[in-house]
């Protein structure tokens, strides 16, 4: 598959090893005085190591590479005498899967409180960062959301997010094949109740419903998919089954 992965410019690498200690997956090692990727499937492509390089020798590129293998990383780290804990979250604290309790959701300083409460029940929310084994996916109602919907749709938290697990993505800038593959595994490995697709009315957003429908078909599961199209003015333009053409505009919220 073609995916994001680390590339090392040997001419810039001074062999300091700071990137090696900065890689929680153990994907890097100093070999013959230069940093090298031990195995492509150990690299998650998130680039946590880049900030540790003092010479700018590391960058993220897209190329053909085997898929990141979490289980192989755990085995690799265990064999190296290192803890596999960090690898389960892709080496980046922002990717750690967690369920937000009501206490966490309500624990907002008074000075920051608003009249609208957050209905977010989990973390992370980006589709590419959510592992199919995340506990909050079991029996979930999924809300597959275009990145542009939350800032455009003022009723996002109150109208659609309660009781659903949000997965955000962009069919224009994200790798569509990777999105379909990830969502397929999520549906296949969990008893997903239903999927609601929230997308903008702009043409580039039309791929969200196709991603959901393709993933459900590939999973072999019978999961209903509803498409909701949001206008740039914050109104619901249409709502209906994902495999049906968009209906006429409904109403504004």
Protein backbone atom coordinates (compact mmCIF):
# COMPACT_ATOMS: atom_id res chain seq x y z
CA UNK A 1 0.00 0.00 0.00
CA UNK A 2 1.07 3.62 -0.48
CA UNK A 3 1.20 5.43 2.84
CA UNK A 4 3.05 8.02 4.91
CA UNK A 5 6.41 6.91 6.29
CA UNK A 6 9.65 8.45 7.55
CA UNK A 7 12.50 9.15 5.13
CA UNK A 8 16.03 9.85 6.35
CA UNK A 9 18.47 12.03 4.43
CA UNK A 10 21.79 10.30 5.15
CA UNK A 11 23.73 13.38 4.03
CA UNK A 12 22.17 15.40 6.88
CA UNK A 13 22.20 12.69 9.54
CA UNK A 14 25.04 13.03 12.05
CA UNK A 15 24.27 9.78 13.85
CA UNK A 16 23.36 11.45 17.16
CA UNK A 17 20.62 8.89 17.83
CA UNK A 18 18.09 11.37 19.22
CA UNK A 19 15.49 10.20 16.70
CA UNK A 20 16.00 6.61 17.88
CA UNK A 21 15.06 7.47 21.46
CA UNK A 22 12.22 9.63 20.14
CA UNK A 23 10.62 6.72 18.27
CA UNK A 24 8.33 4.80 20.64
CA UNK A 25 7.91 1.97 18.13
CA UNK A 26 11.62 1.15 17.85
CA UNK A 27 11.45 1.68 14.09
CA UNK A 28 14.81 3.49 13.96
CA UNK A 29 18.34 2.44 14.76
CA UNK A 30 21.87 3.76 14.23
CA UNK A 31 23.56 1.55 11.65
CA UNK A 32 27.04 2.33 10.35
CA UNK A 33 26.86 5.74 11.99
CA UNK A 34 23.57 6.79 10.40
CA UNK A 35 19.90 6.54 11.41
CA UNK A 36 18.04 3.87 9.47
CA UNK A 37 14.52 2.41 9.47
CA UNK A 38 14.75 -1.07 10.98
CA UNK A 39 11.60 -2.25 9.19
CA UNK A 40 8.95 -0.29 7.33
CA UNK A 41 6.07 -1.99 9.17
CA UNK A 42 7.43 -0.68 12.50
CA UNK A 43 6.99 2.96 11.38
CA UNK A 44 3.53 4.47 11.98
CA UNK A 45 4.25 7.50 9.78
CA UNK A 46 3.09 10.03 12.40
CA UNK A 47 6.54 11.63 12.64
CA UNK A 48 7.00 11.84 16.41
CA UNK A 49 10.74 11.39 15.78
CA UNK A 50 11.09 14.45 13.53
CA UNK A 51 11.12 16.95 16.38
CA UNK A 52 14.07 15.14 17.97
CA UNK A 53 16.36 15.54 14.94
CA UNK A 54 18.74 18.53 15.30
CA UNK A 55 19.81 18.53 11.64
CA UNK A 56 16.49 18.22 9.80
CA UNK A 57 17.41 14.85 8.32
CA UNK A 58 13.94 13.36 8.80
CA UNK A 59 10.75 14.04 6.89
CA UNK A 60 7.44 12.31 6.19
CA UNK A 61 6.90 11.15 2.61
CA UNK A 62 4.38 8.91 0.85
CA UNK A 63 5.67 5.73 -0.78
CA UNK A 64 4.88 2.06 -1.18
CA UNK A 65 5.33 0.36 2.19
CA UNK A 66 3.71 -2.45 4.19
CA UNK A 67 1.01 -1.37 6.62
CA UNK A 68 2.03 -0.36 10.14
CA UNK A 69 1.85 -3.53 12.26
CA UNK A 70 1.08 -2.86 15.93
CA UNK A 71 1.47 -6.50 16.97
CA UNK A 72 4.86 -6.78 15.25
CA UNK A 73 5.99 -3.61 17.01
CA UNK A 74 5.00 -5.01 20.41
CA UNK A 75 6.93 -8.20 19.69
CA UNK A 76 9.91 -6.21 18.47
CA UNK A 77 9.94 -3.98 21.55
CA UNK A 78 9.52 -6.92 23.90
CA UNK A 79 12.46 -8.69 22.26
CA UNK A 80 14.50 -5.51 22.69
CA UNK A 81 13.61 -5.31 26.37
CA UNK A 82 11.51 -2.18 25.91
CA UNK A 83 7.94 -1.60 27.06
CA UNK A 84 5.37 -1.82 24.24
CA UNK A 85 2.96 0.53 26.04
CA UNK A 86 3.77 3.64 24.02
CA UNK A 87 3.57 1.78 20.73
CA UNK A 88 -0.09 0.99 21.28
CA UNK A 89 -0.82 4.66 20.74
CA UNK A 90 1.38 5.19 17.73
CA UNK A 91 4.09 6.92 19.76
CA UNK A 92 2.09 10.11 20.05
CA UNK A 93 0.13 10.94 23.24
CA UNK A 94 -2.60 12.57 21.15
CA UNK A 95 -3.46 9.17 19.65
CA UNK A 96 -4.09 7.37 22.95
CA UNK A 97 -7.56 5.83 22.79
CA UNK A 98 -9.69 6.84 25.75
CA UNK A 99 -13.31 7.09 26.79
CA UNK A 100 -14.25 10.40 28.38
CA UNK A 101 -16.36 9.95 31.49
CA UNK A 102 -19.19 12.38 32.36
CA UNK A 103 -16.89 13.80 35.04
CA UNK A 104 -14.20 14.56 32.48
CA UNK A 105 -16.73 16.12 30.13
CA UNK A 106 -18.11 18.36 32.88
CA UNK A 107 -14.77 19.27 34.45
CA UNK A 108 -14.42 22.61 32.66
CA UNK A 109 -13.31 25.75 34.56
CA UNK A 110 -16.14 28.21 35.10
CA UNK A 111 -14.28 30.87 33.18
CA UNK A 112 -14.25 28.60 30.13
CA UNK A 113 -17.80 27.28 30.47
CA UNK A 114 -20.34 28.08 27.77
CA UNK A 115 -24.05 27.52 27.46
CA UNK A 116 -23.43 24.60 25.11
CA UNK A 117 -21.93 21.44 26.63
CA UNK A 118 -19.56 19.13 24.79
CA UNK A 119 -21.03 15.76 23.82
CA UNK A 120 -17.66 14.26 22.89
CA UNK A 121 -17.33 10.87 24.57
CA UNK A 122 -13.92 9.62 23.42
CA UNK A 123 -10.47 10.38 22.02
CA UNK A 124 -8.96 10.43 19.41
CA UNK A 125 -11.49 11.58 16.83
CA UNK A 126 -9.53 11.44 13.55
CA UNK A 127 -10.41 8.29 11.61
CA UNK A 128 -6.77 7.59 10.74
CA UNK A 129 -5.80 7.68 14.43
CA UNK A 130 -8.56 5.53 15.93
CA UNK A 131 -7.48 1.89 16.32
CA UNK A 132 -10.16 -0.66 15.32
CA UNK A 133 -9.69 -2.25 18.76
CA UNK A 134 -10.60 0.92 20.71
CA UNK A 135 -13.07 -0.09 23.45
CA UNK A 136 -15.43 2.79 22.70
CA UNK A 137 -16.16 1.27 19.26
CA UNK A 138 -17.91 -1.82 20.65
CA UNK A 139 -21.59 -1.66 19.66
CA UNK A 140 -21.13 2.00 18.70
CA UNK A 141 -23.25 4.26 16.58
CA UNK A 142 -20.67 5.91 14.32
CA UNK A 143 -20.72 9.53 13.20
CA UNK A 144 -18.42 9.73 10.16
CA UNK A 145 -17.86 13.45 9.86
CA UNK A 146 -16.17 15.66 7.33
CA UNK A 147 -13.52 17.87 8.95
CA UNK A 148 -15.40 20.97 7.78
CA UNK A 149 -18.74 20.11 9.39
CA UNK A 150 -18.09 21.01 13.08
CA UNK A 151 -17.07 24.64 12.38
CA UNK A 152 -19.91 25.10 9.87
CA UNK A 153 -22.70 23.36 11.79
CA UNK A 154 -23.48 25.17 15.08
CA UNK A 155 -25.70 22.35 16.36
CA UNK A 156 -23.04 19.64 15.84
CA UNK A 157 -22.74 18.73 19.55
CA UNK A 158 -26.44 18.87 20.35
CA UNK A 159 -28.04 17.50 17.19
CA UNK A 160 -25.88 14.55 16.15
CA UNK A 161 -22.96 13.84 18.50
CA UNK A 162 -24.80 12.63 21.65
CA UNK A 163 -24.66 8.84 21.86
CA UNK A 164 -22.39 8.54 18.83
CA UNK A 165 -18.69 7.96 18.27
CA UNK A 166 -17.28 10.68 16.01
CA UNK A 167 -14.69 9.81 13.36
CA UNK A 168 -13.40 12.81 11.41
CA UNK A 169 -11.78 12.78 8.00
CA UNK A 170 -11.50 14.54 4.66
CA UNK A 171 -12.14 12.70 1.37
CA UNK A 172 -10.13 15.35 -0.51
CA UNK A 173 -6.90 15.46 1.53
CA UNK A 174 -6.89 12.09 3.31
CA UNK A 175 -5.89 8.92 1.47
CA UNK A 176 -9.27 7.46 0.49
CA UNK A 177 -8.02 3.87 0.25
CA UNK A 178 -6.56 4.07 3.76
CA UNK A 179 -9.80 5.59 5.08
CA UNK A 180 -11.85 2.78 3.55
CA UNK A 181 -9.45 0.17 4.91
CA UNK A 182 -9.53 1.61 8.43
CA UNK A 183 -13.33 1.97 8.48
CA UNK A 184 -13.73 -1.55 7.08
CA UNK A 185 -11.74 -2.97 9.98
CA UNK A 186 -13.69 -0.89 12.49
CA UNK A 187 -16.99 -2.24 11.15
CA UNK A 188 -15.65 -5.78 10.80
CA UNK A 189 -14.23 -6.01 14.32
CA UNK A 190 -17.08 -4.31 16.18
CA UNK A 191 -20.85 -4.70 16.35
CA UNK A 192 -21.51 -1.29 14.84
CA UNK A 193 -25.18 -0.36 15.18
CA UNK A 194 -25.35 2.23 12.41
CA UNK A 195 -23.34 4.93 10.64
CA UNK A 196 -24.39 8.53 10.13
CA UNK A 197 -22.31 10.41 7.57
CA UNK A 198 -22.11 14.17 8.06
CA UNK A 199 -20.72 15.93 4.99
CA UNK A 200 -20.71 19.42 3.54
CA UNK A 201 -22.65 20.33 0.41
CA UNK A 202 -19.41 21.17 -1.46
CA UNK A 203 -18.45 18.68 -4.22
CA UNK A 204 -15.18 17.52 -2.62
CA UNK A 205 -17.12 16.24 0.40
CA UNK A 206 -19.26 13.80 -1.58
CA UNK A 207 -16.72 11.05 -1.03
CA UNK A 208 -17.58 10.64 2.67
CA UNK A 209 -20.74 8.63 1.97
CA UNK A 210 -18.89 6.52 -0.60
CA UNK A 211 -16.18 5.73 1.95
CA UNK A 212 -18.82 4.55 4.43
CA UNK A 213 -20.77 2.49 1.88
CA UNK A 214 -17.62 0.88 0.46
CA UNK A 215 -16.34 0.00 3.93
CA UNK A 216 -19.65 -1.57 4.99
CA UNK A 217 -19.75 -3.68 1.82
CA UNK A 218 -16.14 -4.79 2.27
CA UNK A 219 -16.78 -5.69 5.91
CA UNK A 220 -19.55 -8.14 5.01
CA UNK A 221 -21.75 -6.63 7.72
CA UNK A 222 -25.27 -5.25 7.32
CA UNK A 223 -24.95 -1.78 8.82
CA UNK A 224 -27.40 1.00 7.87
CA UNK A 225 -25.75 4.19 6.62
CA UNK A 226 -27.51 7.57 6.67
CA UNK A 227 -26.12 10.61 4.87
CA UNK A 228 -26.70 14.13 6.19
CA UNK A 229 -25.57 17.04 4.02
CA UNK A 230 -24.81 20.34 5.75
CA UNK A 231 -24.87 23.71 4.02
CA UNK A 232 -22.14 26.33 4.42
CA UNK A 233 -24.63 28.49 6.26
CA UNK A 234 -25.11 25.88 9.00
CA UNK A 235 -28.38 24.40 7.73
CA UNK A 236 -29.22 20.77 6.97
CA UNK A 237 -29.52 20.54 3.20
CA UNK A 238 -30.67 16.93 2.96
CA UNK A 239 -30.92 13.69 4.89
CA UNK A 240 -31.47 10.12 3.74
CA UNK A 241 -29.90 6.72 2.96
CA UNK A 242 -26.30 6.98 1.76
CA UNK A 243 -27.04 5.04 -1.43
CA UNK A 244 -29.86 7.41 -2.45
CA UNK A 245 -29.39 10.75 -4.26
CA UNK A 246 -29.44 13.81 -1.96
CA UNK A 247 -32.96 14.98 -1.17
CA UNK A 248 -34.09 18.61 -1.46
CA UNK A 249 -33.15 21.03 1.30
CA UNK A 250 -34.95 20.33 4.57
CA UNK A 251 -34.59 23.07 7.16
CA UNK A 252 -32.19 25.32 9.04
CA UNK A 253 -31.11 24.92 12.66
